[in-house]
Structure formats: structure tokens, C-alpha cells
PDB file of N, CA and C in Angstrom:
ATOM      1  N   UNK A   1      25.500  15.077  13.881  1.00  0.00           N
ATOM      2  CA  UNK A   1      25.490  14.611  15.013  1.00  0.00           C
ATOM      3  C   UNK A   1      27.128  13.954  15.621  1.00  0.00           C
ATOM      4  N   UNK A   2      27.098  14.111  16.556  1.00  0.00           N
ATOM      5  CA  UNK A   2      28.702  14.089  17.261  1.00  0.00           C
ATOM      6  C   UNK A   2      28.761  12.598  17.647  1.00  0.00           C
ATOM      7  N   UNK A   3      29.481  12.375  17.903  1.00  0.00           N
ATOM      8  CA  UNK A   3      30.189  10.871  18.536  1.00  0.00           C
ATOM      9  C   UNK A   3      28.943  10.597  19.409  1.00  0.00           C
ATOM     10  N   UNK A   4      29.331  11.483  20.321  1.00  0.00           N
ATOM     11  CA  UNK A   4      28.247  11.810  21.854  1.00  0.00           C
ATOM     12  C   UNK A   4      27.525  11.160  21.750  1.00  0.00           C
ATOM     13  N   UNK A   5      26.387  11.739  20.763  1.00  0.00           N
ATOM     14  CA  UNK A   5      24.976  11.398  20.853  1.00  0.00           C
ATOM     15  C   UNK A   5      24.907  10.350  19.920  1.00  0.00           C
ATOM     16  N   UNK A   6      25.349   9.831  18.991  1.00  0.00           N
ATOM     17  CA  UNK A   6      25.562   8.790  18.788  1.00  0.00           C
ATOM     18  C   UNK A   6      25.508   7.747  19.345  1.00  0.00           C
ATOM     19  N   UNK A   7      27.040   7.503  20.301  1.00  0.00           N
ATOM     20  CA  UNK A   7      27.170   6.441  21.360  1.00  0.00           C
ATOM     21  C   UNK A   7      25.262   6.664  22.232  1.00  0.00           C
ATOM     22  N   UNK A   8      25.021   7.790  22.523  1.00  0.00           N
ATOM     23  CA  UNK A   8      23.555   7.904  23.507  1.00  0.00           C
ATOM     24  C   UNK A   8      22.495   7.000  22.538  1.00  0.00           C
ATOM     25  N   UNK A   9      22.290   7.620  21.441  1.00  0.00           N
ATOM     26  CA  UNK A   9      21.499   7.042  20.602  1.00  0.00           C
ATOM     27  C   UNK A   9      21.399   5.693  20.803  1.00  0.00           C
ATOM     28  N   UNK A  10      22.585   4.877  20.581  1.00  0.00           N
ATOM     29  CA  UNK A  10      22.943   3.437  20.518  1.00  0.00           C
ATOM     30  C   UNK A  10      22.342   2.559  22.011  1.00  0.00           C
ATOM     31  N   UNK A  11      22.632   3.288  22.908  1.00  0.00           N
ATOM     32  CA  UNK A  11      22.481   3.223  24.433  1.00  0.00           C
ATOM     33  C   UNK A  11      21.353   2.994  24.659  1.00  0.00           C
ATOM     34  N   UNK A  12      20.030   4.029  23.901  1.00  0.00           N
ATOM     35  CA  UNK A  12      18.717   3.235  23.551  1.00  0.00           C
ATOM     36  C   UNK A  12      17.985   2.701  22.966  1.00  0.00           C
ATOM     37  N   UNK A  13      18.790   2.458  21.933  1.00  0.00           N
ATOM     38  CA  UNK A  13      18.797   1.379  20.927  1.00  0.00           C
ATOM     39  C   UNK A  13      18.394   0.069  21.904  1.00  0.00           C
ATOM     40  N   UNK A  14      19.860  -0.576  22.456  1.00  0.00           N
ATOM     41  CA  UNK A  14      20.147  -1.434  23.244  1.00  0.00           C
ATOM     42  C   UNK A  14      19.040  -1.491  24.239  1.00  0.00           C
ATOM     43  N   UNK A  15      18.869  -1.128  24.899  1.00  0.00           N
ATOM     44  CA  UNK A  15      17.893  -0.332  26.179  1.00  0.00           C
ATOM     45  C   UNK A  15      16.749  -0.697  25.165  1.00  0.00           C
ATOM     46  N   UNK A  16      16.648  -1.041  24.026  1.00  0.00           N
ATOM     47  CA  UNK A  16      15.065  -1.160  23.822  1.00  0.00           C
ATOM     48  C   UNK A  16      14.149  -0.422  24.521  1.00  0.00           C
ATOM     49  N   UNK A  17      14.575   1.368  24.236  1.00  0.00           N
ATOM     50  CA  UNK A  17      13.687   2.241  25.268  1.00  0.00           C
ATOM     51  C   UNK A  17      13.302   3.315  23.834  1.00  0.00           C
ATOM     52  N   UNK A  18      12.167   4.157  24.088  1.00  0.00           N
ATOM     53  CA  UNK A  18      11.869   5.344  22.529  1.00  0.00           C
ATOM     54  C   UNK A  18      13.138   5.581  22.477  1.00  0.00           C
ATOM     55  N   UNK A  19      13.520   6.927  21.818  1.00  0.00           N
ATOM     56  CA  UNK A  19      14.238   7.690  21.948  1.00  0.00           C
ATOM     57  C   UNK A  19      13.519   9.087  22.267  1.00  0.00           C
ATOM     58  N   UNK A  20      14.022   9.950  22.834  1.00  0.00           N
ATOM     59  CA  UNK A  20      13.687  11.477  23.195  1.00  0.00           C
ATOM     60  C   UNK A  20      13.425  12.083  21.913  1.00  0.00           C
ATOM     61  N   UNK A  21      12.923  12.941  21.458  1.00  0.00           N
ATOM     62  CA  UNK A  21      12.403  13.613  20.717  1.00  0.00           C
ATOM     63  C   UNK A  21      13.963  14.933  20.199  1.00  0.00           C
ATOM     64  N   UNK A  22      14.425  14.785  21.342  1.00  0.00           N
ATOM     65  CA  UNK A  22      16.044  15.559  20.360  1.00  0.00           C
ATOM     66  C   UNK A  22      16.445  14.576  19.443  1.00  0.00           C
ATOM     67  N   UNK A  23      16.731  13.303  19.730  1.00  0.00           N
ATOM     68  CA  UNK A  23      17.135  12.376  18.915  1.00  0.00           C
ATOM     69  C   UNK A  23      16.329  12.501  17.466  1.00  0.00           C
ATOM     70  N   UNK A  24      15.326  11.378  17.723  1.00  0.00           N
ATOM     71  CA  UNK A  24      14.372  11.448  16.816  1.00  0.00           C
ATOM     72  C   UNK A  24      14.250  12.795  15.297  1.00  0.00           C
ATOM     73  N   UNK A  25      14.783  14.177  16.048  1.00  0.00           N
ATOM     74  CA  UNK A  25      14.576  14.877  14.807  1.00  0.00           C
ATOM     75  C   UNK A  25      15.645  14.734  14.462  1.00  0.00           C
ATOM     76  N   UNK A  26      17.062  14.986  15.043  1.00  0.00           N
ATOM     77  CA  UNK A  26      18.182  14.902  15.043  1.00  0.00           C
ATOM     78  C   UNK A  26      18.805  13.932  13.179  1.00  0.00           C
ATOM     79  N   UNK A  27      18.088  12.580  14.076  1.00  0.00           N
ATOM     80  CA  UNK A  27      17.681  11.091  12.756  1.00  0.00           C
ATOM     81  C   UNK A  27      17.336  11.643  11.845  1.00  0.00           C
ATOM     82  N   UNK A  28      15.571  11.635  11.857  1.00  0.00           N
ATOM     83  CA  UNK A  28      14.553  11.329  11.071  1.00  0.00           C
ATOM     84  C   UNK A  28      14.126  13.150  10.350  1.00  0.00           C
ATOM     85  N   UNK A  29      14.919  13.956  10.495  1.00  0.00           N
ATOM     86  CA  UNK A  29      14.740  15.440  10.642  1.00  0.00           C
ATOM     87  C   UNK A  29      13.362  15.855  10.704  1.00  0.00           C
ATOM     88  N   UNK A  30      12.492  16.592  10.213  1.00  0.00           N
ATOM     89  CA  UNK A  30      10.877  17.413  10.554  1.00  0.00           C
ATOM     90  C   UNK A  30      10.386  15.979  10.643  1.00  0.00           C
ATOM     91  N   UNK A  31      10.294  15.049  10.295  1.00  0.00           N
ATOM     92  CA  UNK A  31       9.266  14.374  10.119  1.00  0.00           C
ATOM     93  C   UNK A  31       8.483  13.475  11.175  1.00  0.00           C
ATOM     94  N   UNK A  32       7.457  14.562  11.823  1.00  0.00           N
ATOM     95  CA  UNK A  32       6.556  13.987  12.766  1.00  0.00           C
ATOM     96  C   UNK A  32       4.986  13.248  11.892  1.00  0.00           C
ATOM     97  N   UNK A  33       4.638  12.597  12.785  1.00  0.00           N
ATOM     98  CA  UNK A  33       3.022  12.153  12.648  1.00  0.00           C
ATOM     99  C   UNK A  33       2.551  12.971  13.070  1.00  0.00           C
ATOM    100  N   UNK A  34       1.525  12.963  12.254  1.00  0.00           N
ATOM    101  CA  UNK A  34       0.058  14.085  12.394  1.00  0.00           C
ATOM    102  C   UNK A  34      -1.505  12.939  12.594  1.00  0.00           C
ATOM    103  N   UNK A  35      -1.812  13.039  14.034  1.00  0.00           N
ATOM    104  CA  UNK A  35      -2.698  12.570  13.838  1.00  0.00           C
ATOM    105  C   UNK A  35      -4.307  12.926  15.231  1.00  0.00           C
ATOM    106  N   UNK A  36      -4.816  12.671  14.672  1.00  0.00           N
ATOM    107  CA  UNK A  36      -6.669  13.223  16.077  1.00  0.00           C
ATOM    108  C   UNK A  36      -6.713  12.743  17.115  1.00  0.00           C
ATOM    109  N   UNK A  37      -6.150  13.152  18.044  1.00  0.00           N
ATOM    110  CA  UNK A  37      -6.441  12.595  19.585  1.00  0.00           C
ATOM    111  C   UNK A  37      -7.818  12.690  20.435  1.00  0.00           C
ATOM    112  N   UNK A  38      -8.725  12.096  20.915  1.00  0.00           N
ATOM    113  CA  UNK A  38      -9.974  11.808  21.718  1.00  0.00           C
ATOM    114  C   UNK A  38     -10.140  10.719  22.559  1.00  0.00           C
ATOM    115  N   UNK A  39     -10.033  11.054  23.436  1.00  0.00           N
ATOM    116  CA  UNK A  39     -11.001  10.614  24.389  1.00  0.00           C
ATOM    117  C   UNK A  39     -11.836   8.997  24.227  1.00  0.00           C
ATOM    118  N   UNK A  40     -11.118   8.258  24.272  1.00  0.00           N
ATOM    119  CA  UNK A  40     -11.225   6.923  23.962  1.00  0.00           C
ATOM    120  C   UNK A  40     -11.525   6.182  22.623  1.00  0.00           C
ATOM    121  N   UNK A  41     -10.541   6.268  21.869  1.00  0.00           N
ATOM    122  CA  UNK A  41     -10.092   6.746  20.344  1.00  0.00           C
ATOM    123  C   UNK A  41      -8.842   5.809  20.419  1.00  0.00           C
ATOM    124  N   UNK A  42      -9.236   4.254  19.703  1.00  0.00           N
ATOM    125  CA  UNK A  42      -8.311   3.389  19.799  1.00  0.00           C
ATOM    126  C   UNK A  42      -7.762   2.694  18.264  1.00  0.00           C
ATOM    127  N   UNK A  43      -7.026   2.253  18.281  1.00  0.00           N
ATOM    128  CA  UNK A  43      -5.860   1.723  16.939  1.00  0.00           C
ATOM    129  C   UNK A  43      -7.221   0.499  16.402  1.00  0.00           C
ATOM    130  N   UNK A  44      -8.501   0.048  16.516  1.00  0.00           N
ATOM    131  CA  UNK A  44      -8.561  -1.018  15.987  1.00  0.00           C
ATOM    132  C   UNK A  44      -8.855  -0.597  14.986  1.00  0.00           C
ATOM    133  N   UNK A  45      -9.220  -1.463  13.967  1.00  0.00           N
ATOM    134  CA  UNK A  45      -9.970  -1.577  12.548  1.00  0.00           C
ATOM    135  C   UNK A  45     -11.055  -2.272  12.273  1.00  0.00           C
ATOM    136  N   UNK A  46     -12.035  -1.075  11.666  1.00  0.00           N
ATOM    137  CA  UNK A  46     -13.331  -1.420  11.768  1.00  0.00           C
ATOM    138  C   UNK A  46     -13.675  -1.576  10.085  1.00  0.00           C
ATOM    139  N   UNK A  47     -14.318  -2.702   9.588  1.00  0.00           N
ATOM    140  CA  UNK A  47     -14.933  -2.585   8.526  1.00  0.00           C
ATOM    141  C   UNK A  47     -16.073  -2.398   7.848  1.00  0.00           C
ATOM    142  N   UNK A  48     -16.563  -1.195   7.336  1.00  0.00           N
ATOM    143  CA  UNK A  48     -18.145  -0.783   7.504  1.00  0.00           C
ATOM    144  C   UNK A  48     -18.459  -1.318   6.189  1.00  0.00           C
ATOM    145  N   UNK A  49     -19.565  -2.001   5.770  1.00  0.00           N
ATOM    146  CA  UNK A  49     -19.843  -1.921   4.268  1.00  0.00           C
ATOM    147  C   UNK A  49     -21.309  -1.918   4.160  1.00  0.00           C
ATOM    148  N   UNK A  50     -21.890  -1.284   3.154  1.00  0.00           N
ATOM    149  CA  UNK A  50     -23.366  -1.421   3.094  1.00  0.00           C
ATOM    150  C   UNK A  50     -24.126  -2.520   2.727  1.00  0.00           C
ATOM    151  N   UNK A  51     -25.189  -2.809   2.945  1.00  0.00           N
ATOM    152  CA  UNK A  51     -25.695  -4.265   2.742  1.00  0.00           C
ATOM    153  C   UNK A  51     -26.809  -3.514   1.609  1.00  0.00           C
ATOM    154  N   UNK A  52     -26.934  -2.503   1.232  1.00  0.00           N
ATOM    155  CA  UNK A  52     -27.567  -1.870   0.477  1.00  0.00           C
ATOM    156  C   UNK A  52     -27.297  -1.100  -1.022  1.00  0.00           C
ATOM    157  N   UNK A  53     -27.112  -1.812  -1.906  1.00  0.00           N
ATOM    158  CA  UNK A  53     -25.746  -0.443  -2.891  1.00  0.00           C
ATOM    159  C   UNK A  53     -26.598  -0.157  -4.279  1.00  0.00           C
TER     160      UNK A  53
END
């Protein structure tokens, strides 16, 4: 990683902005998160349990 790229990453961090993909992949290699996307999807957690065991 070049000095210029390091400085640019620091500017994003100091400005509390998300890193563009090009920098994320430089820093974290190819560790991409995989997830399902659909209309109405939320990040809420729901606990489901059965009353009948």
C-alpha cells in the first residue's frame, strides 16, 4: 500500500466516513460478507420457541 493510499484511508477514518471498496479490499483482502437481500428485510432479532415440546 502506498503512502498516498494510507493518507487517503486516514482521511476517511478521521471524517467518520465508510471506506470505498478499493481501500477495504486492500486492508482486509477479499473478506467479503455474504448475506441475503430482499424487500422488507430487517436486522431485528426474533426469538421463536415452541410451547409444545
